[in-house]
Amino acid sequence: MSHNKTINELSPHLFWDIDVLSLDINSSKRTIIERVIGFGILNDWNWIVSVYGKDQIKETVLTLKNIDKVITLSFLANLLVSLKKISHATQKFSQRTTSGNIKSFNEYSRV
């Protein structure tokens, strides 16, 4: 688990009813994952993946009672694959733009 992250990096609306200072990344893992899955934005999802990892998230989701596990796990699988593809595509684009193999937006927009 990553210890460089803090709960304050998560969206404040996730814990509107909880004193954030009372949460601990390790002991509050279930609560944090449940809130992010139910109400989190993309940055929150990235946060839990970087802190807990895919296997811990999956294991936690399977213990939650108030969610449809099949739909949630399917969504998680698709999201994680999509995030990986987006990250890979961004890296490739960045490499191409820095190596001069791709024209700038301005060059394409002069049509």
Protein backbone atom coordinates (compact mmCIF):
# COMPACT_ATOMS: atom_id res chain seq x y z
CA MET A 1 0.00 0.00 0.00
CA SER A 2 1.11 3.52 -0.74
CA HIS A 3 1.69 5.63 2.35
CA ASN A 4 2.35 8.86 0.45
CA LYS A 5 -1.37 9.51 0.06
CA THR A 6 -3.70 11.21 2.51
CA ILE A 7 -7.45 10.98 2.90
CA ASN A 8 -7.64 14.75 2.38
CA GLU A 9 -6.87 14.12 -1.31
CA LEU A 10 -10.29 12.47 -1.73
CA SER A 11 -13.40 14.46 -2.63
CA PRO A 12 -14.85 16.11 0.49
CA HIS A 13 -18.41 15.09 -0.40
CA LEU A 14 -17.51 11.44 0.22
CA PHE A 15 -17.24 11.98 3.96
CA TRP A 16 -19.74 14.76 4.61
CA ASP A 17 -21.11 12.86 7.61
CA ILE A 18 -17.81 11.63 9.05
CA ASP A 19 -14.97 13.45 10.77
CA VAL A 20 -12.20 12.92 8.19
CA LEU A 21 -9.59 13.21 10.93
CA SER A 22 -11.02 10.05 12.51
CA LEU A 23 -10.38 8.02 9.35
CA ASP A 24 -7.23 5.97 8.94
CA ILE A 25 -6.15 4.71 5.51
CA ASN A 26 -5.62 1.19 6.84
CA SER A 27 -8.32 0.70 9.45
CA SER A 28 -10.98 2.63 7.48
CA LYS A 29 -10.25 0.86 4.18
CA ARG A 30 -13.73 -0.64 3.86
CA THR A 31 -15.48 2.68 4.49
CA ILE A 32 -13.22 4.56 2.10
CA ILE A 33 -13.59 2.02 -0.72
CA GLU A 34 -17.36 1.81 -0.23
CA ARG A 35 -17.76 5.60 -0.39
CA VAL A 36 -15.54 5.94 -3.47
CA ILE A 37 -17.35 3.15 -5.28
CA GLY A 38 -20.71 4.65 -4.47
CA PHE A 39 -20.04 8.35 -4.89
CA GLY A 40 -16.46 8.97 -6.03
CA ILE A 41 -15.17 10.77 -9.08
CA LEU A 42 -12.37 9.53 -11.32
CA ASN A 43 -9.64 11.07 -9.15
CA ASP A 44 -11.07 9.21 -6.14
CA TRP A 45 -11.03 5.93 -8.08
CA ASN A 46 -7.41 6.50 -9.07
CA TRP A 47 -6.60 7.23 -5.42
CA ILE A 48 -8.04 3.95 -4.09
CA VAL A 49 -6.32 1.96 -6.87
CA SER A 50 -2.96 3.53 -6.02
CA VAL A 51 -3.44 3.10 -2.27
CA TYR A 52 -5.11 -0.32 -2.01
CA GLY A 53 -4.51 -2.00 -5.35
CA LYS A 54 -7.00 -3.86 -7.52
CA ASP A 55 -6.98 -7.08 -5.50
CA GLN A 56 -7.76 -5.35 -2.20
CA ILE A 57 -10.54 -3.34 -3.82
CA LYS A 58 -12.07 -6.47 -5.32
CA GLU A 59 -11.80 -8.33 -2.02
CA THR A 60 -13.46 -5.44 -0.18
CA VAL A 61 -16.24 -5.06 -2.76
CA LEU A 62 -17.11 -8.73 -2.33
CA THR A 63 -17.78 -8.13 1.39
CA LEU A 64 -20.07 -5.11 0.88
CA LYS A 65 -23.78 -5.78 1.41
CA ASN A 66 -25.46 -2.76 -0.18
CA ILE A 67 -24.16 -3.00 -3.73
CA ASP A 68 -24.72 -5.19 -6.76
CA LYS A 69 -21.41 -7.03 -6.81
CA VAL A 70 -21.66 -8.28 -10.40
CA ILE A 71 -22.36 -4.83 -11.82
CA THR A 72 -19.77 -3.15 -9.60
CA LEU A 73 -17.01 -5.67 -10.35
CA SER A 74 -17.80 -5.51 -14.05
CA PHE A 75 -17.65 -1.72 -13.93
CA LEU A 76 -14.40 -1.81 -11.96
CA ALA A 77 -12.81 -4.21 -14.44
CA ASN A 78 -13.81 -2.03 -17.38
CA LEU A 79 -12.73 1.15 -15.62
CA LEU A 80 -9.33 -0.21 -14.70
CA VAL A 81 -8.73 -1.46 -18.24
CA SER A 82 -9.85 1.90 -19.63
CA LEU A 83 -7.59 3.81 -17.25
CA LYS A 84 -4.66 1.65 -18.29
CA LYS A 85 -5.42 2.26 -21.99
CA ILE A 86 -5.81 6.01 -21.43
CA SER A 87 -2.53 6.13 -19.52
CA HIS A 88 -0.77 4.15 -22.25
CA ALA A 89 -2.24 6.32 -25.03
CA THR A 90 -1.25 9.48 -23.19
CA GLN A 91 2.29 8.24 -22.81
CA LYS A 92 2.50 7.33 -26.50
CA PHE A 93 1.10 10.72 -27.53
CA SER A 94 3.54 12.49 -25.23
CA GLN A 95 6.44 10.54 -26.68
CA ARG A 96 5.35 11.33 -30.25
CA THR A 97 4.91 15.04 -29.57
CA THR A 98 8.28 15.36 -27.90
CA SER A 99 10.05 13.50 -30.69
CA GLY A 100 8.62 15.83 -33.34
CA ASN A 101 6.67 13.15 -35.21
CA ILE A 102 3.34 14.87 -34.79
CA LYS A 103 2.18 18.30 -35.80
CA SER A 104 0.90 20.75 -33.27
CA PHE A 105 -2.79 21.54 -33.00
CA ASN A 106 -2.17 24.93 -34.64
CA GLU A 107 -0.65 23.30 -37.73
CA TYR A 108 -3.76 21.09 -38.16
CA SER A 109 -6.20 23.93 -37.54
CA ARG A 110 -4.88 26.09 -40.40
CA VAL A 111 -6.97 24.30 -43.02
